Amino acid sequence: MNYTLITGASKGIGKAFAHECASRGMNLILVARSGHLLEEVAQEVRGQGVQVHTFAADLLDHAVHKKVFEWIEEKGLAVNMLINNAGMGFYGKFNEGSLEKQLEMMHLNMDSMIKIAHEFLRHSDPNQPRYLLNTSSAGAFQPVPFITIYSATKSFIFSFSLGIRHELRKQGVHVTAFCPGGIESDFFGPAQMEEVVKKNARFMQKPGPAVKIAMDGLLKNKAFVIPGLVNKAGAIVAQIFPYSIVVPTAARLYDPDGI
């Protein structure tokens, strides 16, 4: 019996992935820091007739990738799909923000994701099809002032995903980068971006439809998925126009002095 492992599964996009995967009959392993929120999600999705296990862990723990997969092996579970979704944001001017918080974000959004992906590829069955989805962002396609470090981490994940996709193309591993724009979720509160959300409310997407598009893309072995016409257009524009135009345009969405 195969399982899909979802990180950051207690709320937001991760919770939406749990519901979407359960609706497709996938058994789940849900990982996040909050044990009681994980159990709430688990109870919700078990109603769809799937097996669900939860593992509460702080993904900022430098050894968490080992702990997760040691626990999976102890349980005798087989994982053939990883939704590598855990992440955090930080809003504001780089020099005015907490360096500690920004480094923490870099660790979670990059190091932790890389470690989990590496463990997944080492422990999953190479004789079966395997699926790896990394949550990046529409912000991966250009620098975005005022969420500068966040967008840089997502560019890293996008580049990483496409690179290993090529490396693993003959090993039966589907690798997809999921690049959403603004999603209605709990993400923006901890990132202190409530005013930004209000300013850009017309561009915000519901998490359910966005993750459905992501799962369809993963199962079809697409290199990356960008949900929403506005986000797709933005990614194209970012590749065509010079940075002297692209960066100031992106900045207007987030400039705290313009909110």
Protein backbone atom coordinates (compact mmCIF):
# COMPACT_ATOMS: atom_id res chain seq x y z
CA MET A 1 0.00 0.00 0.00
CA ASN A 2 1.52 3.31 -1.13
CA TYR A 3 1.24 6.63 0.66
CA THR A 4 1.53 10.28 -0.33
CA LEU A 5 3.61 12.36 2.07
CA ILE A 6 2.52 15.99 2.44
CA THR A 7 4.57 18.53 4.40
CA GLY A 8 3.01 21.68 5.79
CA ALA A 9 -0.26 19.74 5.77
CA SER A 10 -2.04 21.30 8.76
CA LYS A 11 -3.49 24.33 6.97
CA GLY A 12 -3.55 26.41 3.81
CA ILE A 13 -2.28 24.86 0.60
CA GLY A 14 -1.04 21.75 2.41
CA LYS A 15 -4.49 21.08 3.85
CA ALA A 16 -6.00 21.59 0.41
CA PHE A 17 -3.52 19.05 -1.00
CA ALA A 18 -4.61 16.57 1.68
CA HIS A 19 -8.25 16.90 0.64
CA GLU A 20 -7.42 16.74 -3.07
CA CYS A 21 -5.22 13.66 -2.73
CA ALA A 22 -7.81 11.91 -0.53
CA SER A 23 -10.47 12.62 -3.15
CA ARG A 24 -8.27 10.70 -5.60
CA GLY A 25 -8.09 7.70 -3.24
CA MET A 26 -4.53 8.33 -2.07
CA ASN A 27 -3.46 7.20 1.40
CA LEU A 28 -1.73 9.98 3.28
CA ILE A 29 1.08 10.82 5.67
CA LEU A 30 0.61 14.35 6.94
CA VAL A 31 3.52 16.27 8.47
CA ALA A 32 3.49 19.69 10.13
CA ARG A 33 4.44 21.33 13.42
CA SER A 34 0.95 21.44 14.96
CA GLY A 35 -0.17 17.98 16.05
CA HIS A 36 -3.74 18.95 16.92
CA LEU A 37 -4.28 20.72 13.59
CA LEU A 38 -2.89 17.68 11.76
CA GLU A 39 -5.36 15.44 13.57
CA GLU A 40 -8.22 17.72 12.57
CA VAL A 41 -7.22 17.46 8.92
CA ALA A 42 -6.74 13.70 9.26
CA GLN A 43 -10.24 13.27 10.64
CA GLU A 44 -11.68 15.29 7.79
CA VAL A 45 -9.98 13.31 5.03
CA ARG A 46 -10.48 9.88 6.60
CA GLY A 47 -14.14 10.38 5.76
CA GLN A 48 -13.15 9.86 2.13
CA GLY A 49 -12.13 6.26 2.85
CA VAL A 50 -8.36 6.59 2.85
CA GLN A 51 -5.69 5.62 5.37
CA VAL A 52 -4.11 8.60 7.11
CA HIS A 53 -1.10 8.86 9.44
CA THR A 54 0.17 12.05 11.06
CA PHE A 55 3.62 13.02 12.29
CA ALA A 56 4.04 16.27 14.20
CA ALA A 57 7.48 17.73 13.60
CA ASP A 58 9.09 21.14 13.34
CA LEU A 59 10.44 21.31 9.81
CA LEU A 60 12.96 23.91 10.97
CA ASP A 61 14.69 21.11 12.90
CA HIS A 62 17.91 20.43 11.00
CA ALA A 63 17.49 16.66 11.46
CA VAL A 64 13.75 16.46 10.78
CA HIS A 65 14.17 14.75 7.40
CA LYS A 66 15.87 11.81 9.13
CA LYS A 67 13.25 11.68 11.87
CA VAL A 68 10.35 11.65 9.39
CA PHE A 69 11.69 8.80 7.31
CA GLU A 70 12.91 6.78 10.28
CA TRP A 71 9.35 6.96 11.62
CA ILE A 72 7.96 5.95 8.21
CA GLU A 73 10.27 2.93 8.13
CA GLU A 74 9.33 1.97 11.69
CA LYS A 75 5.67 2.04 10.64
CA GLY A 76 6.44 -0.12 7.61
CA LEU A 77 4.91 2.41 5.23
CA ALA A 78 5.79 2.85 1.56
CA VAL A 79 5.84 6.36 0.11
CA ASN A 80 5.65 6.83 -3.66
CA MET A 81 4.64 10.51 -3.74
CA LEU A 82 5.96 13.60 -1.96
CA ILE A 83 4.12 16.89 -1.89
CA ASN A 84 7.01 19.04 -0.66
CA ASN A 85 4.95 21.99 0.44
CA ALA A 86 6.11 23.42 3.79
CA GLY A 87 7.22 27.03 3.62
CA MET A 88 6.96 30.49 5.14
CA GLY A 89 7.07 34.10 4.04
CA PHE A 90 8.51 37.37 5.29
CA TYR A 91 7.35 40.80 4.19
CA GLY A 92 9.16 44.11 4.37
CA LYS A 93 12.38 45.83 3.45
CA PHE A 94 15.39 43.53 3.75
CA ASN A 95 17.54 45.85 5.87
CA GLU A 96 14.69 46.70 8.25
CA GLY A 97 13.59 43.14 8.93
CA SER A 98 14.89 40.55 11.35
CA LEU A 99 17.89 38.79 9.85
CA GLU A 100 17.18 35.77 12.04
CA LYS A 101 13.65 35.44 10.62
CA GLN A 102 14.87 35.78 7.06
CA LEU A 103 17.54 33.13 7.56
CA GLU A 104 14.91 30.91 9.19
CA MET A 105 12.74 31.33 6.10
CA MET A 106 15.65 30.44 3.84
CA HIS A 107 16.27 27.27 5.84
CA LEU A 108 12.64 26.15 5.72
CA ASN A 109 11.96 27.12 2.10
CA MET A 110 15.18 25.65 0.72
CA ASP A 111 17.28 23.44 3.01
CA SER A 112 14.38 21.59 4.59
CA MET A 113 12.72 20.95 1.24
CA ILE A 114 15.96 19.67 -0.26
CA LYS A 115 16.55 17.32 2.68
CA ILE A 116 13.02 15.89 2.55
CA ALA A 117 13.27 15.39 -1.22
CA HIS A 118 16.63 13.65 -0.87
CA GLU A 119 15.32 11.27 1.79
CA PHE A 120 12.23 10.53 -0.28
CA LEU A 121 14.30 9.59 -3.33
CA ARG A 122 16.60 7.40 -1.20
CA HIS A 123 13.80 5.56 0.60
CA SER A 124 11.11 5.18 -2.09
CA ASP A 125 10.95 2.11 -4.31
CA PRO A 126 12.94 2.71 -7.54
CA ASN A 127 11.00 -0.07 -9.24
CA GLN A 128 7.74 1.89 -9.03
CA PRO A 129 6.69 5.22 -10.54
CA ARG A 130 7.45 8.02 -8.09
CA TYR A 131 6.10 11.55 -7.91
CA LEU A 132 7.69 14.67 -6.44
CA LEU A 133 5.93 18.04 -6.33
CA ASN A 134 7.79 21.03 -4.93
CA THR A 135 5.76 24.11 -4.05
CA SER A 136 7.50 27.10 -5.59
CA SER A 137 5.69 30.34 -6.49
CA ALA A 138 4.74 32.64 -9.34
CA GLY A 139 7.28 34.89 -7.62
CA ALA A 140 10.01 32.51 -8.77
CA PHE A 141 10.08 34.05 -12.24
CA GLN A 142 11.38 37.48 -11.25
CA PRO A 143 12.80 39.34 -8.26
CA VAL A 144 9.98 40.72 -6.12
CA PRO A 145 10.97 43.65 -3.90
CA PHE A 146 9.60 43.65 -0.35
CA ILE A 147 9.36 39.85 -0.43
CA THR A 148 12.85 39.69 -1.87
CA ILE A 149 14.22 36.75 0.12
CA TYR A 150 10.97 34.78 -0.21
CA SER A 151 10.88 35.10 -4.01
CA ALA A 152 14.59 34.22 -4.17
CA THR A 153 13.97 31.01 -2.20
CA LYS A 154 11.16 30.11 -4.59
CA SER A 155 13.41 30.75 -7.59
CA PHE A 156 15.86 28.32 -6.01
CA ILE A 157 13.16 25.66 -5.64
CA PHE A 158 11.98 26.19 -9.22
CA SER A 159 15.52 25.81 -10.57
CA PHE A 160 16.18 22.80 -8.35
CA SER A 161 12.99 21.09 -9.51
CA LEU A 162 13.76 21.48 -13.20
CA GLY A 163 17.35 20.37 -12.69
CA ILE A 164 16.58 17.14 -10.86
CA ARG A 165 13.67 16.50 -13.21
CA HIS A 166 16.23 16.15 -16.00
CA GLU A 167 18.56 14.04 -13.86
CA LEU A 168 15.74 11.65 -12.90
CA ARG A 169 13.93 11.53 -16.25
CA LYS A 170 15.00 7.92 -16.97
CA GLN A 171 14.32 6.65 -13.45
CA GLY A 172 10.53 6.82 -13.44
CA VAL A 173 10.35 9.93 -11.26
CA HIS A 174 7.87 12.69 -12.13
CA VAL A 175 9.08 16.06 -10.83
CA THR A 176 6.84 19.12 -10.99
CA ALA A 177 7.28 22.65 -9.65
CA PHE A 178 4.00 24.16 -8.45
CA CYS A 179 4.04 27.93 -8.95
CA PRO A 180 0.90 29.55 -7.51
CA GLY A 181 0.29 33.25 -7.14
CA GLY A 182 -1.61 34.56 -4.15
CA ILE A 183 -3.71 31.83 -2.54
CA GLU A 184 -6.37 32.50 0.09
CA SER A 185 -4.80 30.82 3.14
CA ASP A 186 -3.29 31.35 6.58
CA PHE A 187 0.10 32.04 4.97
CA PHE A 188 -0.24 35.82 4.94
CA GLY A 189 -0.98 36.37 8.63
CA PRO A 190 2.39 35.11 9.97
CA ALA A 191 4.07 36.93 7.07
CA GLN A 192 2.35 40.18 8.19
CA MET A 193 0.91 40.72 4.73
CA GLU A 194 -2.75 41.42 5.51
CA GLU A 195 -2.67 44.85 3.85
CA VAL A 196 -1.01 43.39 0.75
CA VAL A 197 -3.79 40.80 0.54
CA LYS A 198 -6.43 43.53 0.70
CA LYS A 199 -4.67 45.51 -2.01
CA ASN A 200 -4.42 42.52 -4.33
CA ALA A 201 -7.65 40.73 -3.38
CA ARG A 202 -8.83 40.56 -6.99
CA PHE A 203 -5.83 38.39 -7.87
CA MET A 204 -6.21 35.89 -5.00
CA GLN A 205 -7.13 32.28 -5.82
CA LYS A 206 -8.97 29.62 -3.86
CA PRO A 207 -6.62 26.83 -2.71
CA GLY A 208 -8.84 23.92 -3.83
CA PRO A 209 -8.90 24.63 -7.59
CA ALA A 210 -5.22 25.59 -7.57
CA VAL A 211 -4.04 22.33 -5.99
CA LYS A 212 -6.30 20.32 -8.31
CA ILE A 213 -4.47 21.89 -11.25
CA ALA A 214 -1.17 21.10 -9.53
CA MET A 215 -2.06 17.43 -9.03
CA ASP A 216 -3.26 17.08 -12.61
CA GLY A 217 0.05 18.52 -13.77
CA LEU A 218 2.11 16.22 -11.53
CA LEU A 219 0.30 13.10 -12.73
CA LYS A 220 0.74 14.25 -16.35
CA ASN A 221 4.47 14.77 -15.66
CA LYS A 222 4.50 18.50 -16.40
CA ALA A 223 7.71 20.33 -15.57
CA PHE A 224 5.86 23.15 -13.83
CA VAL A 225 2.32 24.30 -13.19
CA ILE A 226 1.14 27.90 -12.90
CA PRO A 227 -2.55 28.12 -11.94
CA GLY A 228 -4.47 31.15 -13.20
CA LEU A 229 -4.26 33.17 -16.42
CA VAL A 230 -2.95 36.28 -14.65
CA ASN A 231 -0.10 34.32 -13.08
CA LYS A 232 0.75 32.62 -16.37
CA ALA A 233 0.78 35.96 -18.16
CA GLY A 234 3.00 37.42 -15.45
CA ALA A 235 5.51 34.59 -15.82
CA ILE A 236 5.65 35.11 -19.59
CA VAL A 237 6.09 38.86 -19.23
CA ALA A 238 8.91 38.31 -16.74
CA GLN A 239 10.79 36.26 -19.34
CA ILE A 240 10.29 38.76 -22.16
CA PHE A 241 10.79 42.21 -20.67
CA PRO A 242 14.00 43.55 -19.11
CA TYR A 243 14.44 43.60 -15.34
CA SER A 244 14.35 47.41 -15.46
CA ILE A 245 10.62 47.05 -16.22
CA VAL A 246 9.79 43.76 -14.50
CA VAL A 247 11.19 44.53 -11.04
CA PRO A 248 9.48 47.92 -10.52
CA THR A 249 6.22 46.43 -11.80
CA ALA A 250 6.41 43.57 -9.30
CA ALA A 251 7.35 46.00 -6.55
CA ARG A 252 4.14 47.99 -6.97
CA LEU A 253 2.14 44.99 -5.75
CA TYR A 254 4.01 44.91 -2.44
CA ASP A 255 5.42 48.37 -1.76
CA PRO A 256 4.46 49.17 1.86
CA ASP A 257 4.62 52.89 1.12
CA GLY A 258 2.03 52.47 -1.60
CA ILE A 259 -0.53 50.52 0.45
